[in-house]
Amino acid sequence: MFDTVLGIPVHPLVVHAVVVLAPLAALLMVLFAVWGRFRTWSGPLTPAVATLALVVSPVATQSGEALQRRLPGNEAIAEHAELGDTLPWVLLAATVVAWLMWWFWRRDRVGAAAPSAPVASSGVSKALAVVGVLVALGLAVDVALVGHSGATAVWQGVGSQPAPSGGDD
């Protein structure tokens, strides 16, 4: 199911969704944690993007495992697969924290006297903001490690060999 589409491996097709959505979710979590105007403007955008990344990540993982079965014995691919197995769990943590940040922020906002009145953050919201920044940093590092190992597995040796000569000069 996660092997190929029209003869093309699914993994390179879906992995780019994770490569875009996971760092975007991390960035949005940091913005949500530290910038009040962003929280007001974005609403549930941050947890929605994190959820979307979470939904796509198992497809990337499963399709990567299917591709790995087609390319056995490659140590770089095995390392990439090992690193990739952690990403859905990190995304799960980020998604849970993003939804909690949004929910507690919304709860604090509903408790305000008027919609335009300044909203005092609860202690839980402040603690979640700190946790959110830390989880976002962890997510960014994990995505970078997985992505780098995948790029290394694909591109190792490319360009390091001399170009074939074009003939007699």
Protein backbone atom coordinates (compact mmCIF):
# COMPACT_ATOMS: atom_id res chain seq x y z
CA MET A 1 0.00 0.00 0.00
CA PHE A 2 2.82 2.42 0.88
CA ASP A 3 5.24 1.04 -1.70
CA THR A 4 4.70 2.71 -5.09
CA VAL A 5 2.30 4.89 -7.05
CA LEU A 6 2.50 4.49 -10.82
CA GLY A 7 5.90 2.83 -10.34
CA ILE A 8 7.30 5.73 -8.26
CA PRO A 9 8.20 5.03 -4.63
CA VAL A 10 5.69 6.73 -2.32
CA HIS A 11 8.34 7.79 0.21
CA PRO A 12 9.95 10.63 -1.78
CA LEU A 13 6.47 11.89 -2.64
CA VAL A 14 5.09 12.10 0.92
CA VAL A 15 8.29 12.81 2.83
CA HIS A 16 8.28 16.37 1.52
CA ALA A 17 4.98 17.03 3.28
CA VAL A 18 6.63 16.12 6.59
CA VAL A 19 9.75 18.11 5.70
CA VAL A 20 7.58 21.21 5.23
CA LEU A 21 4.86 20.71 7.85
CA ALA A 22 6.98 19.59 10.84
CA PRO A 23 9.37 22.59 10.83
CA LEU A 24 6.39 24.86 10.11
CA ALA A 25 4.62 23.41 13.15
CA ALA A 26 7.76 24.01 15.25
CA LEU A 27 7.98 27.63 14.08
CA LEU A 28 4.29 28.23 14.73
CA MET A 29 4.61 26.74 18.22
CA VAL A 30 7.42 29.15 19.08
CA LEU A 31 5.46 32.10 17.67
CA PHE A 32 2.34 31.00 19.55
CA ALA A 33 4.32 30.69 22.78
CA VAL A 34 6.01 34.08 22.65
CA TRP A 35 3.84 36.46 20.61
CA GLY A 36 0.39 37.46 21.86
CA ARG A 37 -0.74 39.06 18.59
CA PHE A 38 0.15 35.88 16.74
CA ARG A 39 -1.96 33.80 19.16
CA THR A 40 -4.94 36.08 18.57
CA TRP A 41 -4.50 36.09 14.79
CA SER A 42 -3.72 32.40 14.29
CA GLY A 43 -6.30 30.74 16.52
CA PRO A 44 -6.05 26.96 16.07
CA LEU A 45 -3.65 27.16 13.10
CA THR A 46 -0.67 25.96 15.14
CA PRO A 47 -2.22 22.75 16.47
CA ALA A 48 -3.91 22.13 13.11
CA VAL A 49 -0.56 22.22 11.26
CA ALA A 50 1.01 19.99 13.91
CA THR A 51 -1.89 17.54 13.55
CA LEU A 52 -1.52 17.49 9.78
CA ALA A 53 2.21 16.76 10.11
CA LEU A 54 1.39 14.01 12.60
CA VAL A 55 -1.12 12.42 10.22
CA VAL A 56 1.34 12.42 7.31
CA SER A 57 4.35 11.17 9.29
CA PRO A 58 3.27 7.50 9.61
CA VAL A 59 2.71 7.40 5.84
CA ALA A 60 6.27 8.68 5.35
CA THR A 61 7.57 6.14 7.86
CA GLN A 62 5.70 3.18 6.36
CA SER A 63 6.59 4.14 2.80
CA GLY A 64 10.22 4.55 3.86
CA GLU A 65 10.22 1.06 5.32
CA ALA A 66 8.76 -0.28 2.06
CA LEU A 67 11.50 1.50 0.11
CA GLN A 68 14.15 0.18 2.52
CA ARG A 69 13.01 -3.39 1.75
CA ARG A 70 13.71 -2.67 -1.94
CA LEU A 71 17.21 -1.37 -1.11
CA PRO A 72 18.62 -3.83 1.44
CA GLY A 73 22.08 -3.64 2.91
CA ASN A 74 22.55 0.12 2.76
CA GLU A 75 23.91 1.32 6.10
CA ALA A 76 22.98 4.97 5.44
CA ILE A 77 19.37 4.00 4.74
CA ALA A 78 19.29 1.87 7.89
CA GLU A 79 20.51 4.86 9.95
CA HIS A 80 17.89 7.10 8.30
CA ALA A 81 15.15 4.56 9.04
CA GLU A 82 16.24 4.34 12.68
CA LEU A 83 16.14 8.12 13.08
CA GLY A 84 12.85 8.31 11.17
CA ASP A 85 11.16 5.93 13.61
CA THR A 86 11.36 8.59 16.35
CA LEU A 87 9.79 11.40 14.34
CA PRO A 88 6.12 10.35 14.67
CA TRP A 89 6.57 10.21 18.45
CA VAL A 90 8.16 13.65 18.58
CA LEU A 91 5.36 14.94 16.36
CA LEU A 92 2.80 13.35 18.67
CA ALA A 93 4.30 15.19 21.65
CA ALA A 94 4.41 18.46 19.68
CA THR A 95 0.80 18.04 18.57
CA VAL A 96 -0.44 17.36 22.10
CA VAL A 97 1.48 20.35 23.47
CA ALA A 98 0.24 22.59 20.62
CA TRP A 99 -3.39 21.67 21.31
CA LEU A 100 -2.90 22.18 25.06
CA MET A 101 -1.26 25.57 24.48
CA TRP A 102 -4.15 26.65 22.28
CA TRP A 103 -6.83 25.25 24.62
CA PHE A 104 -5.44 26.91 27.75
CA TRP A 105 -4.88 30.19 25.88
CA ARG A 106 -8.48 30.09 24.67
CA ARG A 107 -9.70 29.24 28.17
CA ASP A 108 -7.79 32.22 29.60
CA ARG A 109 -9.19 34.45 26.85
CA VAL A 110 -12.80 33.38 27.47
CA GLY A 111 -12.29 34.22 31.14
CA ALA A 112 -11.35 37.84 30.25
CA ALA A 113 -13.84 40.59 31.10
CA ALA A 114 -14.18 41.82 27.50
CA PRO A 115 -12.92 40.55 24.15
CA SER A 116 -10.61 43.56 23.78
CA ALA A 117 -9.37 43.48 27.38
CA PRO A 118 -5.79 42.30 27.99
CA VAL A 119 -5.69 38.63 28.82
CA ALA A 120 -3.66 37.50 31.79
CA SER A 121 -2.07 34.15 31.11
CA SER A 122 -2.52 31.47 33.73
CA GLY A 123 0.44 29.70 35.23
CA VAL A 124 -0.44 26.63 33.19
CA SER A 125 -0.39 28.67 29.97
CA LYS A 126 3.02 30.11 30.85
CA ALA A 127 4.40 26.67 31.68
CA LEU A 128 2.98 25.26 28.43
CA ALA A 129 4.62 28.09 26.51
CA VAL A 130 8.02 27.08 27.90
CA VAL A 131 7.33 23.40 27.20
CA GLY A 132 6.07 24.34 23.73
CA VAL A 133 9.29 26.15 22.85
CA LEU A 134 11.38 23.21 24.10
CA VAL A 135 9.28 20.65 22.21
CA ALA A 136 9.42 22.82 19.07
CA LEU A 137 13.21 22.97 19.30
CA GLY A 138 13.35 19.20 19.77
CA LEU A 139 11.06 18.72 16.77
CA ALA A 140 13.21 21.00 14.61
CA VAL A 141 16.38 19.14 15.59
CA ASP A 142 14.76 15.73 14.99
CA VAL A 143 13.46 16.74 11.55
CA ALA A 144 16.89 18.11 10.64
CA LEU A 145 18.65 14.92 11.74
CA VAL A 146 16.20 12.66 9.91
CA GLY A 147 16.24 14.82 6.80
CA HIS A 148 20.01 15.09 6.72
CA SER A 149 20.45 11.34 7.11
CA GLY A 150 17.93 10.75 4.33
CA ALA A 151 19.64 13.20 2.01
CA THR A 152 22.99 11.59 2.80
CA ALA A 153 21.55 8.14 2.03
CA VAL A 154 20.22 9.33 -1.33
CA TRP A 155 23.04 11.56 -2.46
CA GLN A 156 26.15 9.89 -1.01
CA GLY A 157 28.80 9.60 -3.67
CA VAL A 158 26.93 11.75 -6.18
CA GLY A 159 29.28 14.32 -7.67
CA SER A 160 32.35 12.88 -6.02
CA GLN A 161 33.39 10.88 -9.07
CA PRO A 162 35.09 12.53 -12.03
CA ALA A 163 32.91 13.20 -15.01
CA PRO A 164 33.49 10.86 -17.95
CA SER A 165 35.70 12.33 -20.62
CA GLY A 166 33.99 13.47 -23.77
CA GLY A 167 36.47 11.90 -26.14
CA ASP A 168 39.78 12.82 -27.75
CA ASP A 169 40.92 16.41 -27.53
